[in-house]
Amino acid sequence: MRRNLQGSGRLRPVDLAREHGLSAQAIRNYEAAGILPAAERTRHGYRTYTPPHAQALRAFLALVPGHGHQVATSIMRAVNQGATEAALGIIDASHAQLLGDRGTLHAVEAALRDLSPVRQERGDVFVGPLSRRLGVRPATLRKWERAGLVQPRRDPGTGYRVYSPADVRDAQLVHQLRRGGYLLEQIAPLIAQVRSAGGIVPLESTLHDWRARLAARGRAMLAGAAALHAYLDCLPDPDPHIGVTPGPEKQ
């Protein structure tokens, strides 16, 4: 029977797993993926881990909620390979993505605030009046249509494009986001969200949930940073001579 090695500062896979409700196989998988440093082996070939391994596992699990599994794995791999600066660069890129997502949310909120009310009594409009209202060329509206951002119907008698009040709303939203510098492919999912919500008013709850998710992600990144900092403190200082080309040997 294998004895518990905790008293000697050595841990079995099950010892690491128990703290987080994981399986011993999950610990072995994390090691194989580079998330944990390589384990030492007993003379019988059993894996043994140390407190720094336990802290590495805590760091990874804390990083996942804020950065996602793939990015958290990349961070831990870099750290365990001694490439701390690369790991910090990955974290910076993830924070930049969060900042970009916040910017998108703010742009959508601003665009919705700036939308002109669509008066139902005005009815449908053709491409010319709508292009003049928005201050864009008719060709721009047709480009938005090809991208699926507006979906006007065709007049059965003339074949002209006819924009309903909902189409006008979508065109206004596209126009505001384009003015904010967003690409058509970035705008498309937002327009789809407005349509699926049944308009702008029901989208308020979606925006509230979006804000809450971004806030939770930011707080999770803070928690992940604290756990990673604790893990880095467990590691030996890097050799300052690594990567330095030696000068000529003195005679």
Protein backbone atom coordinates (compact mmCIF):
# COMPACT_ATOMS: atom_id res chain seq x y z
CA MET A 1 0.00 0.00 0.00
CA ARG A 2 1.32 3.46 -0.90
CA ARG A 3 1.79 5.66 2.14
CA ASN A 4 0.66 9.28 2.42
CA LEU A 5 3.69 11.47 1.77
CA GLN A 6 2.24 14.76 3.08
CA GLY A 7 4.19 14.58 6.30
CA SER A 8 7.44 14.63 4.34
CA GLY A 9 6.33 17.59 2.21
CA ARG A 10 5.66 15.21 -0.69
CA LEU A 11 2.19 14.95 -2.17
CA ARG A 12 0.44 12.32 -4.24
CA PRO A 13 -1.84 13.21 -7.17
CA VAL A 14 -4.86 12.48 -4.95
CA ASP A 15 -3.56 14.95 -2.33
CA LEU A 16 -3.51 17.78 -4.88
CA ALA A 17 -6.84 16.72 -6.35
CA ARG A 18 -8.75 16.51 -3.08
CA GLU A 19 -8.49 20.25 -2.32
CA HIS A 20 -10.32 21.14 -5.53
CA GLY A 21 -12.67 18.20 -5.94
CA LEU A 22 -10.70 16.87 -8.90
CA SER A 23 -9.62 13.38 -9.83
CA ALA A 24 -6.07 12.12 -9.59
CA GLN A 25 -6.17 11.58 -13.36
CA ALA A 26 -6.95 15.27 -13.84
CA ILE A 27 -3.75 16.12 -11.96
CA ARG A 28 -1.75 13.81 -14.20
CA ASN A 29 -3.38 15.40 -17.25
CA TYR A 30 -2.48 18.88 -16.03
CA GLU A 31 1.12 17.78 -15.60
CA ALA A 32 1.18 16.29 -19.10
CA ALA A 33 -0.20 19.57 -20.49
CA GLY A 34 2.57 21.60 -18.82
CA ILE A 35 0.17 23.32 -16.42
CA LEU A 36 2.06 21.75 -13.52
CA PRO A 37 5.82 21.29 -13.43
CA ALA A 38 7.04 17.76 -13.98
CA ALA A 39 6.61 15.59 -10.91
CA GLU A 40 9.41 13.78 -9.22
CA ARG A 41 9.24 9.99 -9.14
CA THR A 42 9.79 7.53 -6.34
CA ARG A 43 12.07 4.59 -6.93
CA HIS A 44 8.91 2.62 -7.70
CA GLY A 45 7.88 5.12 -10.39
CA TYR A 46 5.09 6.87 -8.47
CA ARG A 47 4.61 10.59 -8.98
CA THR A 48 5.32 12.85 -6.03
CA TYR A 49 4.49 16.52 -5.90
CA THR A 50 5.57 19.37 -3.65
CA PRO A 51 3.86 22.46 -2.18
CA PRO A 52 4.89 24.54 -5.24
CA HIS A 53 2.98 22.04 -7.40
CA ALA A 54 -0.07 22.62 -5.21
CA GLN A 55 0.34 26.37 -5.63
CA ALA A 56 0.69 25.96 -9.41
CA LEU A 57 -2.62 24.12 -9.46
CA ARG A 58 -4.27 26.88 -7.40
CA ALA A 59 -2.87 29.48 -9.76
CA PHE A 60 -4.16 27.71 -12.86
CA LEU A 61 -7.64 27.17 -11.45
CA ALA A 62 -7.76 30.83 -10.38
CA LEU A 63 -6.66 32.01 -13.83
CA VAL A 64 -9.29 30.04 -15.75
CA PRO A 65 -12.40 32.10 -14.80
CA GLY A 66 -10.83 35.37 -15.96
CA HIS A 67 -8.74 34.25 -18.92
CA GLY A 68 -10.30 31.00 -20.08
CA HIS A 69 -8.83 27.51 -20.10
CA GLN A 70 -6.66 27.92 -23.19
CA VAL A 71 -5.06 31.22 -22.14
CA ALA A 72 -4.59 30.02 -18.56
CA THR A 73 -2.82 26.94 -19.90
CA SER A 74 -0.52 29.10 -22.04
CA ILE A 75 0.32 31.27 -19.03
CA MET A 76 1.22 28.31 -16.84
CA ARG A 77 3.24 26.61 -19.56
CA ALA A 78 5.29 29.75 -20.05
CA VAL A 79 5.90 30.14 -16.32
CA ASN A 80 6.89 26.50 -15.91
CA GLN A 81 9.31 26.82 -18.83
CA GLY A 82 10.99 29.77 -17.14
CA ALA A 83 9.55 32.27 -19.63
CA THR A 84 7.94 34.59 -17.09
CA GLU A 85 8.07 37.61 -19.39
CA ALA A 86 6.21 35.67 -22.06
CA ALA A 87 3.58 34.69 -19.49
CA LEU A 88 3.15 38.33 -18.49
CA GLY A 89 2.76 39.24 -22.15
CA ILE A 90 -0.06 36.70 -22.50
CA ILE A 91 -1.74 38.22 -19.45
CA ASP A 92 -1.35 41.72 -20.92
CA ALA A 93 -2.99 40.59 -24.16
CA SER A 94 -5.89 39.07 -22.23
CA HIS A 95 -6.39 42.32 -20.30
CA ALA A 96 -6.30 44.21 -23.61
CA GLN A 97 -9.05 41.92 -24.91
CA LEU A 98 -11.15 42.69 -21.85
CA LEU A 99 -10.58 46.42 -22.41
CA GLY A 100 -11.63 45.99 -26.04
CA ASP A 101 -14.78 44.18 -24.96
CA ARG A 102 -15.60 47.03 -22.58
CA GLY A 103 -15.11 49.48 -25.44
CA THR A 104 -17.51 47.51 -27.61
CA LEU A 105 -20.13 47.54 -24.86
CA HIS A 106 -19.73 51.27 -24.36
CA ALA A 107 -20.02 51.85 -28.10
CA VAL A 108 -23.23 49.84 -28.28
CA GLU A 109 -24.67 51.69 -25.29
CA ALA A 110 -23.73 55.05 -26.83
CA ALA A 111 -25.15 54.03 -30.19
CA LEU A 112 -28.44 53.00 -28.61
CA ARG A 113 -28.65 56.28 -26.71
CA ASP A 114 -28.02 58.27 -29.89
CA LEU A 115 -30.61 56.49 -32.00
CA SER A 116 -33.33 58.76 -33.33
CA PRO A 117 -36.82 57.55 -32.40
CA VAL A 118 -38.51 55.72 -35.27
CA ARG A 119 -42.03 57.04 -35.57
CA GLN A 120 -44.35 54.24 -36.61
CA GLU A 121 -46.70 56.64 -38.39
CA ARG A 122 -44.02 57.48 -40.93
CA GLY A 123 -44.25 53.97 -42.28
CA ASP A 124 -41.76 52.41 -44.67
CA VAL A 125 -39.09 54.41 -46.48
CA PHE A 126 -37.08 53.91 -49.64
CA VAL A 127 -33.32 53.87 -49.95
CA GLY A 128 -33.00 57.51 -51.06
CA PRO A 129 -34.79 59.15 -48.11
CA LEU A 130 -33.06 56.82 -45.65
CA SER A 131 -29.60 57.52 -47.08
CA ARG A 132 -30.27 61.27 -46.80
CA ARG A 133 -31.50 60.90 -43.22
CA LEU A 134 -28.32 59.07 -42.22
CA GLY A 135 -25.99 61.13 -44.37
CA VAL A 136 -24.63 58.12 -46.25
CA ARG A 137 -24.69 57.09 -49.89
CA PRO A 138 -27.29 54.59 -51.17
CA ALA A 139 -24.37 52.34 -52.12
CA THR A 140 -23.40 52.21 -48.43
CA LEU A 141 -26.86 50.95 -47.49
CA ARG A 142 -26.60 48.29 -50.18
CA LYS A 143 -23.20 47.25 -48.79
CA TRP A 144 -24.73 46.91 -45.33
CA GLU A 145 -27.49 44.79 -46.85
CA ARG A 146 -24.98 42.45 -48.48
CA ALA A 147 -23.33 42.07 -45.07
CA GLY A 148 -26.70 41.10 -43.56
CA LEU A 149 -26.85 44.17 -41.32
CA VAL A 150 -30.09 45.50 -42.81
CA GLN A 151 -32.75 43.39 -44.47
CA PRO A 152 -35.12 45.57 -46.53
CA ARG A 153 -37.88 43.92 -48.49
CA ARG A 154 -38.56 44.64 -52.16
CA ASP A 155 -41.59 46.49 -53.43
CA PRO A 156 -43.43 43.92 -55.59
CA GLY A 157 -44.38 46.52 -58.21
CA THR A 158 -41.14 48.45 -58.63
CA GLY A 159 -38.49 46.17 -57.13
CA TYR A 160 -37.22 49.06 -55.01
CA ARG A 161 -35.83 48.41 -51.55
CA VAL A 162 -38.32 49.25 -48.80
CA TYR A 163 -37.11 49.80 -45.23
CA SER A 164 -39.49 49.11 -42.36
CA PRO A 165 -39.18 50.99 -39.03
CA ALA A 166 -37.15 48.03 -37.69
CA ASP A 167 -34.86 48.26 -40.74
CA VAL A 168 -34.40 51.97 -40.09
CA ARG A 169 -33.50 51.20 -36.48
CA ASP A 170 -30.90 48.66 -37.61
CA ALA A 171 -29.46 51.10 -40.16
CA GLN A 172 -29.17 53.80 -37.52
CA LEU A 173 -27.38 51.43 -35.15
CA VAL A 174 -24.98 50.31 -37.89
CA HIS A 175 -24.30 53.94 -38.75
CA GLN A 176 -23.48 54.84 -35.14
CA LEU A 177 -21.15 51.86 -34.72
CA ARG A 178 -19.42 52.54 -38.02
CA ARG A 179 -18.80 56.09 -36.86
CA GLY A 180 -17.24 54.57 -33.75
CA GLY A 181 -14.74 52.69 -35.92
CA TYR A 182 -16.27 49.22 -35.78
CA LEU A 183 -15.98 46.86 -38.73
CA LEU A 184 -19.00 45.33 -40.39
CA GLU A 185 -18.08 41.86 -39.14
CA GLN A 186 -17.91 43.22 -35.59
CA ILE A 187 -21.30 44.88 -35.94
CA ALA A 188 -23.14 41.87 -37.36
CA PRO A 189 -23.50 39.91 -34.08
CA LEU A 190 -24.69 43.04 -32.28
CA ILE A 191 -27.41 43.66 -34.86
CA ALA A 192 -28.42 40.01 -34.58
CA GLN A 193 -28.70 40.47 -30.82
CA VAL A 194 -30.98 43.50 -31.25
CA ARG A 195 -33.21 41.49 -33.59
CA SER A 196 -33.34 38.44 -31.34
CA ALA A 197 -34.21 40.64 -28.37
CA GLY A 198 -37.17 42.03 -30.30
CA GLY A 199 -35.86 45.58 -30.40
CA ILE A 200 -33.79 47.99 -28.36
CA VAL A 201 -35.83 48.20 -25.15
CA PRO A 202 -35.61 44.45 -24.34
CA LEU A 203 -31.87 44.66 -25.07
CA GLU A 204 -31.36 46.67 -21.86
CA SER A 205 -31.42 43.48 -19.78
CA THR A 206 -28.90 41.93 -22.16
CA LEU A 207 -26.61 44.94 -21.79
CA HIS A 208 -26.95 44.73 -18.01
CA ASP A 209 -25.93 41.07 -18.09
CA TRP A 210 -23.05 41.94 -20.45
CA ARG A 211 -21.77 44.59 -18.01
CA ALA A 212 -22.05 42.14 -15.11
CA ARG A 213 -20.09 39.47 -17.01
CA LEU A 214 -17.30 41.92 -17.84
CA ALA A 215 -17.12 43.05 -14.22
CA ALA A 216 -16.96 39.43 -13.02
CA ARG A 217 -14.25 38.68 -15.56
CA GLY A 218 -12.20 41.65 -14.36
CA ARG A 219 -12.48 40.58 -10.73
CA ALA A 220 -11.57 37.00 -11.70
CA MET A 221 -8.44 38.33 -13.40
CA LEU A 222 -7.46 40.02 -10.14
CA ALA A 223 -7.93 36.77 -8.24
CA GLY A 224 -5.91 34.90 -10.86
CA ALA A 225 -3.11 37.47 -10.67
CA ALA A 226 -2.89 37.08 -6.89
CA ALA A 227 -2.69 33.28 -7.12
CA LEU A 228 -0.09 33.44 -9.90
CA HIS A 229 1.96 35.91 -7.88
CA ALA A 230 1.93 33.47 -4.96
CA TYR A 231 3.11 30.69 -7.28
CA LEU A 232 5.91 32.83 -8.71
CA ASP A 233 7.08 33.49 -5.15
CA CYS A 234 7.42 29.71 -4.69
CA LEU A 235 9.81 29.39 -7.60
CA PRO A 236 13.57 29.87 -7.39
CA ASP A 237 14.93 33.10 -8.78
CA PRO A 238 15.98 32.71 -12.41
CA ASP A 239 19.68 32.46 -13.12
CA PRO A 240 20.72 36.00 -14.16
CA HIS A 241 23.32 34.51 -16.50
CA ILE A 242 20.79 32.55 -18.55
CA GLY A 243 20.71 33.92 -22.07
CA VAL A 244 23.85 36.02 -21.57
CA THR A 245 26.61 35.33 -24.05
CA PRO A 246 29.87 34.86 -22.17
CA GLY A 247 32.80 37.07 -23.08
CA PRO A 248 36.20 35.75 -24.06
CA GLU A 249 37.84 33.69 -21.39
CA LYS A 250 40.66 35.47 -19.62
CA GLN A 251 44.00 33.86 -19.93
